[in-house]
């Protein structure tokens, strides 16, 4: 398949896919419905998804299939969620995680 055909194929696939809106650290973004949170964040330019507890070192997507725990994020107030295992949804609130994360207080 030529590069032109490949690009046309991806553009045509994306055009049929519904788009959902979500926030990352309070900033609005969008992605195709059914895309993993990790892929949506990668597409939005986010490479570091959390900082380690001890040294504050950045971690991002490592295995991409839910075996490791490098892509932990906070989703809708719930910490320690593996971003590669969850599909992005309309209105989802995603935050990069600081250390072990913390539960959001209920209103």
PDB file of N, CA and C in Angstrom:
ATOM      1  N   UNK A   1       0.850  -1.170   0.000  1.00  0.00           N
ATOM      2  CA  UNK A   1       0.000   0.000   0.000  1.00  0.00           C
ATOM      3  C   UNK A   1       0.894   1.230   0.000  1.00  0.00           C
ATOM      4  N   UNK A   2       0.640   2.171  -0.884  1.00  0.00           N
ATOM      5  CA  UNK A   2       1.458   3.387  -0.970  1.00  0.00           C
ATOM      6  C   UNK A   2       1.152   4.304   0.205  1.00  0.00           C
ATOM      7  N   UNK A   3       2.058   5.273   0.460  1.00  0.00           N
ATOM      8  CA  UNK A   3       1.834   6.223   1.546  1.00  0.00           C
ATOM      9  C   UNK A   3       0.560   7.019   1.321  1.00  0.00           C
ATOM     10  N   UNK A   4       0.292   7.374   0.068  1.00  0.00           N
ATOM     11  CA  UNK A   4      -0.914   8.138  -0.253  1.00  0.00           C
ATOM     12  C   UNK A   4      -2.162   7.329   0.076  1.00  0.00           C
ATOM     13  N   UNK A   5      -2.187   6.064  -0.311  1.00  0.00           N
ATOM     14  CA  UNK A   5      -3.332   5.202  -0.023  1.00  0.00           C
ATOM     15  C   UNK A   5      -3.494   4.995   1.477  1.00  0.00           C
ATOM     16  N   UNK A   6      -2.383   4.795   2.173  1.00  0.00           N
ATOM     17  CA  UNK A   6      -2.417   4.566   3.617  1.00  0.00           C
ATOM     18  C   UNK A   6      -2.994   5.794   4.325  1.00  0.00           C
ATOM     19  N   UNK A   7      -2.535   6.986   3.948  1.00  0.00           N
ATOM     20  CA  UNK A   7      -3.035   8.211   4.567  1.00  0.00           C
ATOM     21  C   UNK A   7      -4.517   8.410   4.269  1.00  0.00           C
ATOM     22  N   UNK A   8      -4.929   8.105   3.061  1.00  0.00           N
ATOM     23  CA  UNK A   8      -6.339   8.233   2.690  1.00  0.00           C
ATOM     24  C   UNK A   8      -7.183   7.258   3.511  1.00  0.00           C
ATOM     25  N   UNK A   9      -6.688   6.043   3.702  1.00  0.00           N
ATOM     26  CA  UNK A   9      -7.406   5.041   4.477  1.00  0.00           C
ATOM     27  C   UNK A   9      -7.622   5.530   5.902  1.00  0.00           C
ATOM     28  N   UNK A  10      -6.565   6.065   6.556  1.00  0.00           N
ATOM     29  CA  UNK A  10      -6.690   6.539   7.933  1.00  0.00           C
ATOM     30  C   UNK A  10      -7.633   7.727   8.022  1.00  0.00           C
ATOM     31  N   UNK A  11      -7.566   8.630   7.071  1.00  0.00           N
ATOM     32  CA  UNK A  11      -8.452   9.792   7.075  1.00  0.00           C
ATOM     33  C   UNK A  11      -9.901   9.358   6.905  1.00  0.00           C
ATOM     34  N   UNK A  12     -10.140   8.396   6.045  1.00  0.00           N
ATOM     35  CA  UNK A  12     -11.503   7.913   5.823  1.00  0.00           C
ATOM     36  C   UNK A  12     -12.028   7.212   7.071  1.00  0.00           C
ATOM     37  N   UNK A  13     -11.194   6.442   7.754  1.00  0.00           N
ATOM     38  CA  UNK A  13     -11.611   5.755   8.980  1.00  0.00           C
ATOM     39  C   UNK A  13     -11.935   6.760  10.069  1.00  0.00           C
ATOM     40  N   UNK A  14     -11.099   7.778  10.206  1.00  0.00           N
ATOM     41  CA  UNK A  14     -11.303   8.784  11.245  1.00  0.00           C
ATOM     42  C   UNK A  14     -12.578   9.584  10.988  1.00  0.00           C
ATOM     43  N   UNK A  15     -12.928   9.808   9.742  1.00  0.00           N
ATOM     44  CA  UNK A  15     -14.113  10.595   9.411  1.00  0.00           C
ATOM     45  C   UNK A  15     -15.390   9.882   9.873  1.00  0.00           C
ATOM     46  N   UNK A  16     -15.398   8.567   9.915  1.00  0.00           N
ATOM     47  CA  UNK A  16     -16.581   7.813  10.328  1.00  0.00           C
ATOM     48  C   UNK A  16     -16.673   7.658  11.838  1.00  0.00           C
ATOM     49  N   UNK A  17     -15.593   7.871  12.528  1.00  0.00           N
ATOM     50  CA  UNK A  17     -15.539   7.647  13.964  1.00  0.00           C
ATOM     51  C   UNK A  17     -16.112   8.847  14.717  1.00  0.00           C
ATOM     52  N   UNK A  18     -17.110   8.638  15.611  1.00  0.00           N
ATOM     53  CA  UNK A  18     -17.627   9.768  16.390  1.00  0.00           C
ATOM     54  C   UNK A  18     -16.532  10.341  17.290  1.00  0.00           C
ATOM     55  N   UNK A  19     -16.585  11.627  17.511  1.00  0.00           N
ATOM     56  CA  UNK A  19     -15.589  12.307  18.336  1.00  0.00           C
ATOM     57  C   UNK A  19     -16.197  12.601  19.700  1.00  0.00           C
ATOM     58  N   UNK A  20     -15.418  12.348  20.747  1.00  0.00           N
ATOM     59  CA  UNK A  20     -15.842  12.667  22.104  1.00  0.00           C
ATOM     60  C   UNK A  20     -14.924  13.736  22.673  1.00  0.00           C
ATOM     61  N   UNK A  21     -15.477  14.548  23.564  1.00  0.00           N
ATOM     62  CA  UNK A  21     -14.690  15.599  24.214  1.00  0.00           C
ATOM     63  C   UNK A  21     -14.381  15.164  25.644  1.00  0.00           C
ATOM     64  N   UNK A  22     -13.194  15.518  26.098  1.00  0.00           N
ATOM     65  CA  UNK A  22     -12.762  15.211  27.460  1.00  0.00           C
ATOM     66  C   UNK A  22     -11.818  16.303  27.909  1.00  0.00           C
ATOM     67  N   UNK A  23     -11.446  16.290  29.182  1.00  0.00           N
ATOM     68  CA  UNK A  23     -10.453  17.254  29.650  1.00  0.00           C
ATOM     69  C   UNK A  23      -9.238  16.513  30.193  1.00  0.00           C
ATOM     70  N   UNK A  24      -8.084  17.119  30.011  1.00  0.00           N
ATOM     71  CA  UNK A  24      -6.839  16.625  30.589  1.00  0.00           C
ATOM     72  C   UNK A  24      -6.246  17.772  31.390  1.00  0.00           C
ATOM     73  N   UNK A  25      -6.182  17.584  32.689  1.00  0.00           N
ATOM     74  CA  UNK A  25      -5.718  18.633  33.611  1.00  0.00           C
ATOM     75  C   UNK A  25      -6.497  19.930  33.402  1.00  0.00           C
ATOM     76  N   UNK A  26      -7.804  19.797  33.151  1.00  0.00           N
ATOM     77  CA  UNK A  26      -8.678  20.952  32.990  1.00  0.00           C
ATOM     78  C   UNK A  26      -8.701  21.545  31.595  1.00  0.00           C
ATOM     79  N   UNK A  27      -7.856  21.070  30.699  1.00  0.00           N
ATOM     80  CA  UNK A  27      -7.792  21.593  29.337  1.00  0.00           C
ATOM     81  C   UNK A  27      -8.613  20.704  28.409  1.00  0.00           C
ATOM     82  N   UNK A  28      -9.489  21.309  27.616  1.00  0.00           N
ATOM     83  CA  UNK A  28     -10.348  20.531  26.733  1.00  0.00           C
ATOM     84  C   UNK A  28      -9.563  19.901  25.588  1.00  0.00           C
ATOM     85  N   UNK A  29      -9.994  18.687  25.234  1.00  0.00           N
ATOM     86  CA  UNK A  29      -9.390  17.959  24.130  1.00  0.00           C
ATOM     87  C   UNK A  29     -10.465  17.064  23.532  1.00  0.00           C
ATOM     88  N   UNK A  30     -10.136  16.381  22.445  1.00  0.00           N
ATOM     89  CA  UNK A  30     -11.096  15.462  21.827  1.00  0.00           C
ATOM     90  C   UNK A  30     -10.344  14.287  21.226  1.00  0.00           C
ATOM     91  N   UNK A  31     -11.090  13.194  21.041  1.00  0.00           N
ATOM     92  CA  UNK A  31     -10.511  11.972  20.477  1.00  0.00           C
ATOM     93  C   UNK A  31     -11.641  11.145  19.883  1.00  0.00           C
ATOM     94  N   UNK A  32     -11.273  10.173  19.089  1.00  0.00           N
ATOM     95  CA  UNK A  32     -12.258   9.267  18.526  1.00  0.00           C
ATOM     96  C   UNK A  32     -12.845   8.377  19.597  1.00  0.00           C
ATOM     97  N   UNK A  33     -14.162   8.167  19.536  1.00  0.00           N
ATOM     98  CA  UNK A  33     -14.827   7.285  20.495  1.00  0.00           C
ATOM     99  C   UNK A  33     -14.190   5.903  20.427  1.00  0.00           C
ATOM    100  N   UNK A  34     -13.993   5.284  21.584  1.00  0.00           N
ATOM    101  CA  UNK A  34     -13.402   3.955  21.640  1.00  0.00           C
ATOM    102  C   UNK A  34     -11.891   3.952  21.718  1.00  0.00           C
ATOM    103  N   UNK A  35     -11.258   5.107  21.546  1.00  0.00           N
ATOM    104  CA  UNK A  35      -9.808   5.225  21.673  1.00  0.00           C
ATOM    105  C   UNK A  35      -9.435   5.054  23.142  1.00  0.00           C
ATOM    106  N   UNK A  36      -8.327   4.405  23.425  1.00  0.00           N
ATOM    107  CA  UNK A  36      -7.910   4.294  24.825  1.00  0.00           C
ATOM    108  C   UNK A  36      -7.507   5.675  25.342  1.00  0.00           C
ATOM    109  N   UNK A  37      -7.625   5.851  26.648  1.00  0.00           N
ATOM    110  CA  UNK A  37      -7.215   7.105  27.262  1.00  0.00           C
ATOM    111  C   UNK A  37      -5.747   7.365  26.941  1.00  0.00           C
ATOM    112  N   UNK A  38      -4.907   6.333  27.006  1.00  0.00           N
ATOM    113  CA  UNK A  38      -3.476   6.493  26.710  1.00  0.00           C
ATOM    114  C   UNK A  38      -3.260   7.007  25.291  1.00  0.00           C
ATOM    115  N   UNK A  39      -3.958   6.424  24.313  1.00  0.00           N
ATOM    116  CA  UNK A  39      -3.804   6.858  22.921  1.00  0.00           C
ATOM    117  C   UNK A  39      -4.321   8.277  22.725  1.00  0.00           C
ATOM    118  N   UNK A  40      -5.418   8.620  23.400  1.00  0.00           N
ATOM    119  CA  UNK A  40      -5.969   9.972  23.297  1.00  0.00           C
ATOM    120  C   UNK A  40      -4.992  10.995  23.868  1.00  0.00           C
ATOM    121  N   UNK A  41      -4.356  10.657  24.996  1.00  0.00           N
ATOM    122  CA  UNK A  41      -3.383  11.564  25.595  1.00  0.00           C
ATOM    123  C   UNK A  41      -2.136  11.686  24.725  1.00  0.00           C
ATOM    124  N   UNK A  42      -1.695  10.575  24.160  1.00  0.00           N
ATOM    125  CA  UNK A  42      -0.536  10.589  23.253  1.00  0.00           C
ATOM    126  C   UNK A  42      -0.828  11.492  22.058  1.00  0.00           C
ATOM    127  N   UNK A  43      -2.032  11.344  21.474  1.00  0.00           N
ATOM    128  CA  UNK A  43      -2.422  12.154  20.315  1.00  0.00           C
ATOM    129  C   UNK A  43      -2.515  13.637  20.678  1.00  0.00           C
ATOM    130  N   UNK A  44      -2.841  13.926  21.939  1.00  0.00           N
ATOM    131  CA  UNK A  44      -2.933  15.310  22.404  1.00  0.00           C
ATOM    132  C   UNK A  44      -1.566  15.875  22.796  1.00  0.00           C
ATOM    133  N   UNK A  45      -0.508  15.083  22.617  1.00  0.00           N
ATOM    134  CA  UNK A  45       0.844  15.555  22.903  1.00  0.00           C
ATOM    135  C   UNK A  45       1.320  15.320  24.321  1.00  0.00           C
ATOM    136  N   UNK A  46       0.555  14.577  25.117  1.00  0.00           N
ATOM    137  CA  UNK A  46       0.954  14.280  26.492  1.00  0.00           C
ATOM    138  C   UNK A  46       1.824  13.037  26.503  1.00  0.00           C
ATOM    139  N   UNK A  47       3.057  13.162  26.896  1.00  0.00           N
ATOM    140  CA  UNK A  47       3.957  12.011  26.954  1.00  0.00           C
ATOM    141  C   UNK A  47       4.145  11.521  28.385  1.00  0.00           C
ATOM    142  N   UNK A  48       4.206  12.437  29.348  1.00  0.00           N
ATOM    143  CA  UNK A  48       4.329  12.068  30.759  1.00  0.00           C
ATOM    144  C   UNK A  48       2.925  12.024  31.356  1.00  0.00           C
ATOM    145  N   UNK A  49       2.511  10.852  31.835  1.00  0.00           N
ATOM    146  CA  UNK A  49       1.170  10.688  32.381  1.00  0.00           C
ATOM    147  C   UNK A  49       1.149  10.718  33.903  1.00  0.00           C
ATOM    148  N   UNK A  50       2.300  10.487  34.518  1.00  0.00           N
ATOM    149  CA  UNK A  50       2.384  10.551  35.979  1.00  0.00           C
ATOM    150  C   UNK A  50       3.808  10.855  36.387  1.00  0.00           C
ATOM    151  N   UNK A  51       3.965  11.230  37.657  1.00  0.00           N
ATOM    152  CA  UNK A  51       5.290  11.413  38.263  1.00  0.00           C
ATOM    153  C   UNK A  51       5.423  10.383  39.370  1.00  0.00           C
ATOM    154  N   UNK A  52       6.602   9.773  39.485  1.00  0.00           N
ATOM    155  CA  UNK A  52       6.815   8.734  40.487  1.00  0.00           C
ATOM    156  C   UNK A  52       6.747   9.313  41.897  1.00  0.00           C
ATOM    157  N   UNK A  53       6.432   8.441  42.845  1.00  0.00           N
ATOM    158  CA  UNK A  53       6.249   8.850  44.235  1.00  0.00           C
ATOM    159  C   UNK A  53       7.553   9.333  44.870  1.00  0.00           C
ATOM    160  N   UNK A  54       8.626   8.581  44.715  1.00  0.00           N
ATOM    161  CA  UNK A  54       9.878   8.896  45.409  1.00  0.00           C
ATOM    162  C   UNK A  54      10.648  10.066  44.796  1.00  0.00           C
ATOM    163  N   UNK A  55      10.886  10.006  43.506  1.00  0.00           N
ATOM    164  CA  UNK A  55      11.760  10.997  42.868  1.00  0.00           C
ATOM    165  C   UNK A  55      11.041  12.008  41.990  1.00  0.00           C
ATOM    166  N   UNK A  56       9.753  11.820  41.759  1.00  0.00           N
ATOM    167  CA  UNK A  56       9.021  12.746  40.900  1.00  0.00           C
ATOM    168  C   UNK A  56       9.424  12.630  39.436  1.00  0.00           C
ATOM    169  N   UNK A  57       9.869  11.430  39.038  1.00  0.00           N
ATOM    170  CA  UNK A  57      10.293  11.215  37.651  1.00  0.00           C
ATOM    171  C   UNK A  57       9.083  10.948  36.758  1.00  0.00           C
ATOM    172  N   UNK A  58       9.099  11.467  35.535  1.00  0.00           N
ATOM    173  CA  UNK A  58       7.964  11.273  34.637  1.00  0.00           C
ATOM    174  C   UNK A  58       7.875   9.847  34.106  1.00  0.00           C
ATOM    175  N   UNK A  59       6.644   9.364  33.964  1.00  0.00           N
ATOM    176  CA  UNK A  59       6.370   8.056  33.365  1.00  0.00           C
ATOM    177  C   UNK A  59       5.283   8.234  32.323  1.00  0.00           C
ATOM    178  N   UNK A  60       5.329   7.415  31.302  1.00  0.00           N
ATOM    179  CA  UNK A  60       4.343   7.497  30.227  1.00  0.00           C
ATOM    180  C   UNK A  60       3.895   6.113  29.826  1.00  0.00           C
ATOM    181  N   UNK A  61       3.571   5.963  28.557  1.00  0.00           N
ATOM    182  CA  UNK A  61       3.119   4.671  28.054  1.00  0.00           C
ATOM    183  C   UNK A  61       4.346   3.784  27.858  1.00  0.00           C
ATOM    184  N   UNK A  62       4.331   2.607  28.460  1.00  0.00           N
ATOM    185  CA  UNK A  62       5.452   1.684  28.315  1.00  0.00           C
ATOM    186  C   UNK A  62       5.019   0.440  27.547  1.00  0.00           C
ATOM    187  N   UNK A  63       4.132  -0.357  28.123  1.00  0.00           N
ATOM    188  CA  UNK A  63       3.737  -1.602  27.436  1.00  0.00           C
ATOM    189  C   UNK A  63       2.523  -1.395  26.534  1.00  0.00           C
ATOM    190  N   UNK A  64       1.627  -0.482  26.899  1.00  0.00           N
ATOM    191  CA  UNK A  64       0.458  -0.200  26.082  1.00  0.00           C
ATOM    192  C   UNK A  64      -0.614  -1.281  26.098  1.00  0.00           C
ATOM    193  N   UNK A  65      -0.493  -2.285  27.005  1.00  0.00           N
ATOM    194  CA  UNK A  65      -1.492  -3.361  27.021  1.00  0.00           C
ATOM    195  C   UNK A  65      -1.916  -3.758  28.429  1.00  0.00           C
ATOM    196  N   UNK A  66      -1.612  -2.938  29.417  1.00  0.00           N
ATOM    197  CA  UNK A  66      -2.106  -3.176  30.759  1.00  0.00           C
ATOM    198  C   UNK A  66      -1.297  -4.093  31.634  1.00  0.00           C
ATOM    199  N   UNK A  67      -0.065  -4.395  31.250  1.00  0.00           N
ATOM    200  CA  UNK A  67       0.773  -5.279  32.055  1.00  0.00           C
ATOM    201  C   UNK A  67       1.568  -4.473  33.089  1.00  0.00           C
ATOM    202  N   UNK A  68       2.088  -3.333  32.688  1.00  0.00           N
ATOM    203  CA  UNK A  68       2.870  -2.510  33.624  1.00  0.00           C
ATOM    204  C   UNK A  68       1.947  -1.472  34.264  1.00  0.00           C
ATOM    205  N   UNK A  69       2.510  -0.609  35.056  1.00  0.00           N
ATOM    206  CA  UNK A  69       1.720   0.427  35.714  1.00  0.00           C
ATOM    207  C   UNK A  69       2.316   1.807  35.467  1.00  0.00           C
ATOM    208  N   UNK A  70       2.977   1.990  34.332  1.00  0.00           N
ATOM    209  CA  UNK A  70       3.589   3.282  34.050  1.00  0.00           C
ATOM    210  C   UNK A  70       2.596   4.342  33.604  1.00  0.00           C
ATOM    211  N   UNK A  71       1.456   3.946  33.063  1.00  0.00           N
ATOM    212  CA  UNK A  71       0.500   4.917  32.506  1.00  0.00           C
ATOM    213  C   UNK A  71      -0.625   5.272  33.470  1.00  0.00           C
ATOM    214  N   UNK A  72      -0.377   5.181  34.777  1.00  0.00           N
ATOM    215  CA  UNK A  72      -1.422   5.498  35.751  1.00  0.00           C
ATOM    216  C   UNK A  72      -1.826   6.967  35.671  1.00  0.00           C
ATOM    217  N   UNK A  73      -3.120   7.198  35.655  1.00  0.00           N
ATOM    218  CA  UNK A  73      -3.689   8.549  35.650  1.00  0.00           C
ATOM    219  C   UNK A  73      -4.871   8.575  36.611  1.00  0.00           C
ATOM    220  N   UNK A  74      -5.387   9.754  36.857  1.00  0.00           N
ATOM    221  CA  UNK A  74      -6.614   9.921  37.627  1.00  0.00           C
ATOM    222  C   UNK A  74      -7.744  10.176  36.637  1.00  0.00           C
ATOM    223  N   UNK A  75      -8.806   9.387  36.717  1.00  0.00           N
ATOM    224  CA  UNK A  75      -9.957   9.544  35.820  1.00  0.00           C
ATOM    225  C   UNK A  75     -11.193   9.793  36.667  1.00  0.00           C
ATOM    226  N   UNK A  76     -11.852  10.914  36.406  1.00  0.00           N
ATOM    227  CA  UNK A  76     -13.073  11.306  37.119  1.00  0.00           C
ATOM    228  C   UNK A  76     -12.903  11.179  38.633  1.00  0.00           C
ATOM    229  N   UNK A  77     -11.737  11.609  39.139  1.00  0.00           N
ATOM    230  CA  UNK A  77     -11.480  11.633  40.573  1.00  0.00           C
ATOM    231  C   UNK A  77     -10.946  10.338  41.158  1.00  0.00           C
ATOM    232  N   UNK A  78     -10.774   9.314  40.337  1.00  0.00           N
ATOM    233  CA  UNK A  78     -10.284   8.014  40.806  1.00  0.00           C
ATOM    234  C   UNK A  78      -8.820   7.839  40.399  1.00  0.00           C
ATOM    235  N   UNK A  79      -7.902   7.734  41.363  1.00  0.00           N
ATOM    236  CA  UNK A  79      -6.476   7.597  41.032  1.00  0.00           C
ATOM    237  C   UNK A  79      -6.102   6.171  40.630  1.00  0.00           C
ATOM    238  N   UNK A  80      -4.910   6.028  40.086  1.00  0.00           N
ATOM    239  CA  UNK A  80      -4.289   4.732  39.784  1.00  0.00           C
ATOM    240  C   UNK A  80      -5.033   3.916  38.739  1.00  0.00           C
ATOM    241  N   UNK A  81      -5.515   4.576  37.701  1.00  0.00           N
ATOM    242  CA  UNK A  81      -6.200   3.904  36.602  1.00  0.00           C
ATOM    243  C   UNK A  81      -5.211   3.770  35.442  1.00  0.00           C
ATOM    244  N   UNK A  82      -5.076   2.562  34.906  1.00  0.00           N
ATOM    245  CA  UNK A  82      -4.181   2.356  33.769  1.00  0.00           C
ATOM    246  C   UNK A  82      -4.831   2.919  32.509  1.00  0.00           C
ATOM    247  N   UNK A  83      -4.224   3.968  31.971  1.00  0.00           N
ATOM    248  CA  UNK A  83      -4.791   4.699  30.837  1.00  0.00           C
ATOM    249  C   UNK A  83      -4.920   3.845  29.582  1.00  0.00           C
ATOM    250  N   UNK A  84      -4.096   2.826  29.454  1.00  0.00           N
ATOM    251  CA  UNK A  84      -4.145   1.988  28.247  1.00  0.00           C
ATOM    252  C   UNK A  84      -5.298   0.995  28.276  1.00  0.00           C
ATOM    253  N   UNK A  85      -5.959   0.828  29.428  1.00  0.00           N
ATOM    254  CA  UNK A  85      -7.016  -0.185  29.574  1.00  0.00           C
ATOM    255  C   UNK A  85      -8.432   0.399  29.538  1.00  0.00           C
ATOM    256  N   UNK A  86      -8.551   1.725  29.470  1.00  0.00           N
ATOM    257  CA  UNK A  86      -9.856   2.384  29.552  1.00  0.00           C
ATOM    258  C   UNK A  86     -10.117   3.165  28.264  1.00  0.00           C
ATOM    259  N   UNK A  87     -11.336   3.033  27.738  1.00  0.00           N
ATOM    260  CA  UNK A  87     -11.732   3.794  26.548  1.00  0.00           C
ATOM    261  C   UNK A  87     -12.162   5.196  26.965  1.00  0.00           C
ATOM    262  N   UNK A  88     -11.760   6.178  26.182  1.00  0.00           N
ATOM    263  CA  UNK A  88     -12.130   7.567  26.451  1.00  0.00           C
ATOM    264  C   UNK A  88     -13.637   7.723  26.257  1.00  0.00           C
ATOM    265  N   UNK A  89     -14.258   8.533  27.097  1.00  0.00           N
ATOM    266  CA  UNK A  89     -15.709   8.756  27.017  1.00  0.00           C
ATOM    267  C   UNK A  89     -16.012  10.242  27.051  1.00  0.00           C
ATOM    268  N   UNK A  90     -17.150  10.596  26.532  1.00  0.00           N
ATOM    269  CA  UNK A  90     -17.605  11.986  26.515  1.00  0.00           C
ATOM    270  C   UNK A  90     -17.616  12.542  27.942  1.00  0.00           C
ATOM    271  N   UNK A  91     -16.982  13.713  28.110  1.00  0.00           N
ATOM    272  CA  UNK A  91     -16.984  14.403  29.394  1.00  0.00           C
ATOM    273  C   UNK A  91     -16.025  13.862  30.430  1.00  0.00           C
ATOM    274  N   UNK A  92     -15.235  12.858  30.080  1.00  0.00           N
ATOM    275  CA  UNK A  92     -14.291  12.267  31.032  1.00  0.00           C
ATOM    276  C   UNK A  92     -13.294  13.327  31.490  1.00  0.00           C
ATOM    277  N   UNK A  93     -12.981  13.317  32.786  1.00  0.00           N
ATOM    278  CA  UNK A  93     -11.992  14.226  33.352  1.00  0.00           C
ATOM    279  C   UNK A  93     -10.731  13.416  33.673  1.00  0.00           C
ATOM    280  N   UNK A  94      -9.670  13.671  32.945  1.00  0.00           N
ATOM    281  CA  UNK A  94      -8.407  12.957  33.126  1.00  0.00           C
ATOM    282  C   UNK A  94      -7.388  13.933  33.704  1.00  0.00           C
ATOM    283  N   UNK A  95      -6.643  13.460  34.703  1.00  0.00           N
ATOM    284  CA  UNK A  95      -5.557  14.270  35.275  1.00  0.00           C
ATOM    285  C   UNK A  95      -4.294  13.432  35.320  1.00  0.00           C
ATOM    286  N   UNK A  96      -3.169  14.070  35.009  1.00  0.00           N
ATOM    287  CA  UNK A  96      -1.909  13.380  35.201  1.00  0.00           C
ATOM    288  C   UNK A  96      -1.745  13.182  36.701  1.00  0.00           C
ATOM    289  N   UNK A  97      -1.132  12.081  37.069  1.00  0.00           N
ATOM    290  CA  UNK A  97      -1.074  11.695  38.476  1.00  0.00           C
ATOM    291  C   UNK A  97       0.237  12.103  39.113  1.00  0.00           C
ATOM    292  N   UNK A  98       0.145  12.614  40.324  1.00  0.00           N
ATOM    293  CA  UNK A  98       1.311  12.999  41.114  1.00  0.00           C
ATOM    294  C   UNK A  98       1.553  11.928  42.159  1.00  0.00           C
ATOM    295  N   UNK A  99       2.629  11.182  42.044  1.00  0.00           N
ATOM    296  CA  UNK A  99       2.940  10.145  43.024  1.00  0.00           C
ATOM    297  C   UNK A  99       1.880   9.065  43.074  1.00  0.00           C
ATOM    298  N   UNK A 100       1.403   8.752  44.283  1.00  0.00           N
ATOM    299  CA  UNK A 100       0.404   7.698  44.461  1.00  0.00           C
ATOM    300  C   UNK A 100      -0.999   8.162  44.117  1.00  0.00           C
ATOM    301  N   UNK A 101      -1.177   9.430  43.823  1.00  0.00           N
ATOM    302  CA  UNK A 101      -2.504   9.954  43.499  1.00  0.00           C
ATOM    303  C   UNK A 101      -3.340  10.153  44.741  1.00  0.00           C
ATOM    304  N   UNK A 102      -4.470  10.797  44.572  1.00  0.00           N
ATOM    305  CA  UNK A 102      -5.377  11.003  45.706  1.00  0.00           C
ATOM    306  C   UNK A 102      -6.804  11.021  45.181  1.00  0.00           C
ATOM    307  N   UNK A 103      -7.698  10.507  46.012  1.00  0.00           N
ATOM    308  CA  UNK A 103      -9.115  10.496  45.656  1.00  0.00           C
ATOM    309  C   UNK A 103      -9.659  11.908  45.706  1.00  0.00           C
ATOM    310  N   UNK A 104     -10.530  12.226  44.763  1.00  0.00           N
ATOM    311  CA  UNK A 104     -11.175  13.533  44.741  1.00  0.00           C
ATOM    312  C   UNK A 104     -12.264  13.552  45.802  1.00  0.00           C
ATOM    313  N   UNK A 105     -12.389  14.645  46.522  1.00  0.00           N
ATOM    314  CA  UNK A 105     -13.424  14.781  47.546  1.00  0.00           C
ATOM    315  C   UNK A 105     -14.799  14.864  46.877  1.00  0.00           C
ATOM    316  N   UNK A 106     -15.784  14.176  47.433  1.00  0.00           N
ATOM    317  CA  UNK A 106     -17.145  14.234  46.927  1.00  0.00           C
ATOM    318  C   UNK A 106     -17.750  15.594  47.283  1.00  0.00           C
ATOM    319  N   UNK A 107     -18.551  16.182  46.382  1.00  0.00           N
ATOM    320  CA  UNK A 107     -19.140  17.512  46.685  1.00  0.00           C
ATOM    321  C   UNK A 107     -20.188  17.430  47.764  1.00  0.00           C
TER     322      UNK A 107
END
